[in-house]
Amino acid sequence: MGIIRSSFPFIAGTVCGIYIAQNYHVPNIRKLAYSAIFRAKEVEEKYRKPKKTSEEDE
């Protein structure tokens, strides 16, 4: 009885997740994460300070 009681929230969450994924438009989290990382890299490259040349260092 203990294993059923302890695993019930996991099983219920899995069943609800499957139902929601099949019946509603759920965004692809992996695709959203990759696009956010890509945007962050673009912003970082755009606003990065220019590298100093060897002439400026001397």
PDB file of N, CA and C in Angstrom:
ATOM      1  N   MET A   1       0.832  -1.197   0.000  1.00  0.00           N
ATOM      2  CA  MET A   1       0.000   0.000   0.000  1.00  0.00           C
ATOM      3  C   MET A   1       0.867   1.247   0.000  1.00  0.00           C
ATOM      4  N   GLY A   2       2.057   1.165   0.581  1.00  0.00           N
ATOM      5  CA  GLY A   2       2.926   2.326   0.684  1.00  0.00           C
ATOM      6  C   GLY A   2       3.464   2.798  -0.653  1.00  0.00           C
ATOM      7  N   ILE A   3       3.815   1.845  -1.536  1.00  0.00           N
ATOM      8  CA  ILE A   3       4.372   2.228  -2.830  1.00  0.00           C
ATOM      9  C   ILE A   3       3.304   2.886  -3.711  1.00  0.00           C
ATOM     10  N   ILE A   4       2.075   2.431  -3.604  1.00  0.00           N
ATOM     11  CA  ILE A   4       0.989   3.037  -4.378  1.00  0.00           C
ATOM     12  C   ILE A   4       0.719   4.439  -3.865  1.00  0.00           C
ATOM     13  N   ARG A   5       0.694   4.612  -2.567  1.00  0.00           N
ATOM     14  CA  ARG A   5       0.421   5.916  -1.976  1.00  0.00           C
ATOM     15  C   ARG A   5       1.558   6.905  -2.277  1.00  0.00           C
ATOM     16  N   SER A   6       2.799   6.430  -2.274  1.00  0.00           N
ATOM     17  CA  SER A   6       3.922   7.339  -2.505  1.00  0.00           C
ATOM     18  C   SER A   6       4.097   7.677  -3.983  1.00  0.00           C
ATOM     19  N   SER A   7       3.688   6.813  -4.888  1.00  0.00           N
ATOM     20  CA  SER A   7       3.856   7.078  -6.315  1.00  0.00           C
ATOM     21  C   SER A   7       2.610   7.684  -6.964  1.00  0.00           C
ATOM     22  N   PHE A   8       1.528   7.852  -6.222  1.00  0.00           N
ATOM     23  CA  PHE A   8       0.297   8.396  -6.793  1.00  0.00           C
ATOM     24  C   PHE A   8       0.493   9.799  -7.388  1.00  0.00           C
ATOM     25  N   PRO A   9       1.156  10.747  -6.704  1.00  0.00           N
ATOM     26  CA  PRO A   9       1.337  12.071  -7.312  1.00  0.00           C
ATOM     27  C   PRO A   9       2.117  12.024  -8.626  1.00  0.00           C
ATOM     28  N   PHE A  10       3.113  11.166  -8.706  1.00  0.00           N
ATOM     29  CA  PHE A  10       3.884  11.028  -9.938  1.00  0.00           C
ATOM     30  C   PHE A  10       3.020  10.492 -11.072  1.00  0.00           C
ATOM     31  N   ILE A  11       2.252   9.459 -10.797  1.00  0.00           N
ATOM     32  CA  ILE A  11       1.389   8.861 -11.821  1.00  0.00           C
ATOM     33  C   ILE A  11       0.305   9.847 -12.244  1.00  0.00           C
ATOM     34  N   ALA A  12      -0.304  10.532 -11.295  1.00  0.00           N
ATOM     35  CA  ALA A  12      -1.346  11.507 -11.619  1.00  0.00           C
ATOM     36  C   ALA A  12      -0.774  12.653 -12.436  1.00  0.00           C
ATOM     37  N   GLY A  13       0.414  13.116 -12.110  1.00  0.00           N
ATOM     38  CA  GLY A  13       1.049  14.186 -12.877  1.00  0.00           C
ATOM     39  C   GLY A  13       1.388  13.763 -14.289  1.00  0.00           C
ATOM     40  N   THR A  14       1.845  12.539 -14.437  1.00  0.00           N
ATOM     41  CA  THR A  14       2.157  12.010 -15.765  1.00  0.00           C
ATOM     42  C   THR A  14       0.903  11.919 -16.622  1.00  0.00           C
ATOM     43  N   VAL A  15      -0.174  11.401 -16.054  1.00  0.00           N
ATOM     44  CA  VAL A  15      -1.436  11.275 -16.802  1.00  0.00           C
ATOM     45  C   VAL A  15      -1.965  12.654 -17.179  1.00  0.00           C
ATOM     46  N   CYS A  16      -1.932  13.598 -16.258  1.00  0.00           N
ATOM     47  CA  CYS A  16      -2.397  14.965 -16.564  1.00  0.00           C
ATOM     48  C   CYS A  16      -1.515  15.617 -17.619  1.00  0.00           C
ATOM     49  N   GLY A  17      -0.217  15.405 -17.545  1.00  0.00           N
ATOM     50  CA  GLY A  17       0.700  15.961 -18.537  1.00  0.00           C
ATOM     51  C   GLY A  17       0.461  15.414 -19.925  1.00  0.00           C
ATOM     52  N   ILE A  18       0.212  14.127 -20.015  1.00  0.00           N
ATOM     53  CA  ILE A  18      -0.086  13.512 -21.308  1.00  0.00           C
ATOM     54  C   ILE A  18      -1.384  14.074 -21.877  1.00  0.00           C
ATOM     55  N   TYR A  19      -2.403  14.205 -21.042  1.00  0.00           N
ATOM     56  CA  TYR A  19      -3.687  14.743 -21.483  1.00  0.00           C
ATOM     57  C   TYR A  19      -3.529  16.173 -21.997  1.00  0.00           C
ATOM     58  N   ILE A  20      -2.823  16.998 -21.241  1.00  0.00           N
ATOM     59  CA  ILE A  20      -2.636  18.402 -21.629  1.00  0.00           C
ATOM     60  C   ILE A  20      -1.833  18.500 -22.922  1.00  0.00           C
ATOM     61  N   ALA A  21      -0.772  17.696 -23.066  1.00  0.00           N
ATOM     62  CA  ALA A  21       0.063  17.740 -24.270  1.00  0.00           C
ATOM     63  C   ALA A  21      -0.716  17.316 -25.512  1.00  0.00           C
ATOM     64  N   GLN A  22      -1.658  16.406 -25.353  1.00  0.00           N
ATOM     65  CA  GLN A  22      -2.417  15.931 -26.504  1.00  0.00           C
ATOM     66  C   GLN A  22      -3.560  16.864 -26.883  1.00  0.00           C
ATOM     67  N   ASN A  23      -4.122  17.584 -25.920  1.00  0.00           N
ATOM     68  CA  ASN A  23      -5.331  18.349 -26.192  1.00  0.00           C
ATOM     69  C   ASN A  23      -5.139  19.862 -26.255  1.00  0.00           C
ATOM     70  N   TYR A  24      -3.974  20.356 -25.888  1.00  0.00           N
ATOM     71  CA  TYR A  24      -3.725  21.794 -25.904  1.00  0.00           C
ATOM     72  C   TYR A  24      -2.409  22.070 -26.607  1.00  0.00           C
ATOM     73  N   HIS A  25      -2.267  23.297 -27.095  1.00  0.00           N
ATOM     74  CA  HIS A  25      -1.034  23.690 -27.779  1.00  0.00           C
ATOM     75  C   HIS A  25       0.008  24.049 -26.719  1.00  0.00           C
ATOM     76  N   VAL A  26       0.945  23.138 -26.508  1.00  0.00           N
ATOM     77  CA  VAL A  26       1.997  23.342 -25.516  1.00  0.00           C
ATOM     78  C   VAL A  26       3.282  23.641 -26.281  1.00  0.00           C
ATOM     79  N   PRO A  27       3.970  24.754 -25.976  1.00  0.00           N
ATOM     80  CA  PRO A  27       5.185  25.081 -26.719  1.00  0.00           C
ATOM     81  C   PRO A  27       6.311  24.084 -26.432  1.00  0.00           C
ATOM     82  N   ASN A  28       7.183  23.935 -27.415  1.00  0.00           N
ATOM     83  CA  ASN A  28       8.336  23.062 -27.277  1.00  0.00           C
ATOM     84  C   ASN A  28       9.391  23.793 -26.447  1.00  0.00           C
ATOM     85  N   ILE A  29       9.623  23.349 -25.240  1.00  0.00           N
ATOM     86  CA  ILE A  29      10.528  24.027 -24.314  1.00  0.00           C
ATOM     87  C   ILE A  29      11.965  24.014 -24.843  1.00  0.00           C
ATOM     88  N   ARG A  30      12.392  22.930 -25.435  1.00  0.00           N
ATOM     89  CA  ARG A  30      13.751  22.857 -25.968  1.00  0.00           C
ATOM     90  C   ARG A  30      13.967  23.898 -27.057  1.00  0.00           C
ATOM     91  N   LYS A  31      12.980  24.063 -27.947  1.00  0.00           N
ATOM     92  CA  LYS A  31      13.083  25.042 -29.015  1.00  0.00           C
ATOM     93  C   LYS A  31      13.115  26.459 -28.438  1.00  0.00           C
ATOM     94  N   LEU A  32      12.298  26.727 -27.433  1.00  0.00           N
ATOM     95  CA  LEU A  32      12.310  28.041 -26.788  1.00  0.00           C
ATOM     96  C   LEU A  32      13.648  28.319 -26.113  1.00  0.00           C
ATOM     97  N   ALA A  33      14.224  27.324 -25.479  1.00  0.00           N
ATOM     98  CA  ALA A  33      15.512  27.504 -24.806  1.00  0.00           C
ATOM     99  C   ALA A  33      16.613  27.784 -25.824  1.00  0.00           C
ATOM    100  N   TYR A  34      16.635  27.043 -26.921  1.00  0.00           N
ATOM    101  CA  TYR A  34      17.657  27.277 -27.945  1.00  0.00           C
ATOM    102  C   TYR A  34      17.521  28.667 -28.563  1.00  0.00           C
ATOM    103  N   SER A  35      16.297  29.108 -28.811  1.00  0.00           N
ATOM    104  CA  SER A  35      16.122  30.435 -29.393  1.00  0.00           C
ATOM    105  C   SER A  35      16.513  31.521 -28.392  1.00  0.00           C
ATOM    106  N   ALA A  36      16.271  31.316 -27.095  1.00  0.00           N
ATOM    107  CA  ALA A  36      16.683  32.293 -26.089  1.00  0.00           C
ATOM    108  C   ALA A  36      18.206  32.367 -25.997  1.00  0.00           C
ATOM    109  N   ILE A  37      18.880  31.233 -26.050  1.00  0.00           N
ATOM    110  CA  ILE A  37      20.344  31.226 -26.013  1.00  0.00           C
ATOM    111  C   ILE A  37      20.903  31.898 -27.257  1.00  0.00           C
ATOM    112  N   PHE A  38      20.305  31.637 -28.409  1.00  0.00           N
ATOM    113  CA  PHE A  38      20.756  32.262 -29.653  1.00  0.00           C
ATOM    114  C   PHE A  38      20.609  33.775 -29.578  1.00  0.00           C
ATOM    115  N   ARG A  39      19.471  34.252 -29.065  1.00  0.00           N
ATOM    116  CA  ARG A  39      19.254  35.698 -28.918  1.00  0.00           C
ATOM    117  C   ARG A  39      20.260  36.309 -27.946  1.00  0.00           C
ATOM    118  N   ALA A  40      20.536  35.615 -26.857  1.00  0.00           N
ATOM    119  CA  ALA A  40      21.495  36.117 -25.874  1.00  0.00           C
ATOM    120  C   ALA A  40      22.888  36.227 -26.485  1.00  0.00           C
ATOM    121  N   LYS A  41      23.271  35.253 -27.296  1.00  0.00           N
ATOM    122  CA  LYS A  41      24.574  35.316 -27.968  1.00  0.00           C
ATOM    123  C   LYS A  41      24.629  36.478 -28.950  1.00  0.00           C
ATOM    124  N   GLU A  42      23.533  36.713 -29.678  1.00  0.00           N
ATOM    125  CA  GLU A  42      23.495  37.843 -30.607  1.00  0.00           C
ATOM    126  C   GLU A  42      23.669  39.172 -29.873  1.00  0.00           C
ATOM    127  N   VAL A  43      22.958  39.341 -28.769  1.00  0.00           N
ATOM    128  CA  VAL A  43      23.038  40.573 -27.987  1.00  0.00           C
ATOM    129  C   VAL A  43      24.449  40.738 -27.417  1.00  0.00           C
ATOM    130  N   GLU A  44      25.024  39.645 -26.936  1.00  0.00           N
ATOM    131  CA  GLU A  44      26.364  39.701 -26.361  1.00  0.00           C
ATOM    132  C   GLU A  44      27.391  40.107 -27.415  1.00  0.00           C
ATOM    133  N   GLU A  45      27.272  39.563 -28.633  1.00  0.00           N
ATOM    134  CA  GLU A  45      28.208  39.923 -29.693  1.00  0.00           C
ATOM    135  C   GLU A  45      27.998  41.363 -30.152  1.00  0.00           C
ATOM    136  N   LYS A  46      26.780  41.813 -30.145  1.00  0.00           N
ATOM    137  CA  LYS A  46      26.485  43.171 -30.599  1.00  0.00           C
ATOM    138  C   LYS A  46      27.043  44.217 -29.632  1.00  0.00           C
ATOM    139  N   TYR A  47      26.937  43.979 -28.342  1.00  0.00           N
ATOM    140  CA  TYR A  47      27.339  44.973 -27.352  1.00  0.00           C
ATOM    141  C   TYR A  47      28.687  44.670 -26.702  1.00  0.00           C
ATOM    142  N   ARG A  48      29.421  43.724 -27.210  1.00  0.00           N
ATOM    143  CA  ARG A  48      30.734  43.385 -26.670  1.00  0.00           C
ATOM    144  C   ARG A  48      31.717  44.521 -26.955  1.00  0.00           C
ATOM    145  N   LYS A  49      32.579  44.801 -25.998  1.00  0.00           N
ATOM    146  CA  LYS A  49      33.608  45.806 -26.208  1.00  0.00           C
ATOM    147  C   LYS A  49      34.578  45.283 -27.249  1.00  0.00           C
ATOM    148  N   PRO A  50      35.056  46.165 -28.116  1.00  0.00           N
ATOM    149  CA  PRO A  50      36.022  45.697 -29.115  1.00  0.00           C
ATOM    150  C   PRO A  50      37.335  45.290 -28.452  1.00  0.00           C
ATOM    151  N   LYS A  51      37.972  44.297 -29.019  1.00  0.00           N
ATOM    152  CA  LYS A  51      39.240  43.834 -28.472  1.00  0.00           C
ATOM    153  C   LYS A  51      40.329  44.862 -28.775  1.00  0.00           C
ATOM    154  N   LYS A  52      41.229  45.015 -27.815  1.00  0.00           N
ATOM    155  CA  LYS A  52      42.337  45.940 -28.006  1.00  0.00           C
ATOM    156  C   LYS A  52      43.353  45.306 -28.947  1.00  0.00           C
ATOM    157  N   THR A  53      43.916  46.134 -29.815  1.00  0.00           N
ATOM    158  CA  THR A  53      44.966  45.648 -30.690  1.00  0.00           C
ATOM    159  C   THR A  53      46.301  45.759 -29.973  1.00  0.00           C
ATOM    160  N   SER A  54      47.336  45.179 -30.516  1.00  0.00           N
ATOM    161  CA  SER A  54      48.650  45.193 -29.877  1.00  0.00           C
ATOM    162  C   SER A  54      49.227  46.605 -29.863  1.00  0.00           C
ATOM    163  N   GLU A  55      48.858  47.452 -30.810  1.00  0.00           N
ATOM    164  CA  GLU A  55      49.360  48.822 -30.859  1.00  0.00           C
ATOM    165  C   GLU A  55      48.815  49.639 -29.698  1.00  0.00           C
ATOM    166  N   GLU A  56      47.569  49.406 -29.317  1.00  0.00           N
ATOM    167  CA  GLU A  56      46.964  50.160 -28.225  1.00  0.00           C
ATOM    168  C   GLU A  56      47.528  49.712 -26.879  1.00  0.00           C
ATOM    169  N   ASP A  57      47.973  48.470 -26.770  1.00  0.00           N
ATOM    170  CA  ASP A  57      48.493  47.954 -25.513  1.00  0.00           C
ATOM    171  C   ASP A  57      49.843  48.581 -25.179  1.00  0.00           C
ATOM    172  N   GLU A  58      50.617  48.952 -26.181  1.00  0.00           N
ATOM    173  CA  GLU A  58      51.958  49.463 -25.939  1.00  0.00           C
ATOM    174  C   GLU A  58      51.991  50.901 -25.646  1.00  0.00           C
TER     175      GLU A  58
END
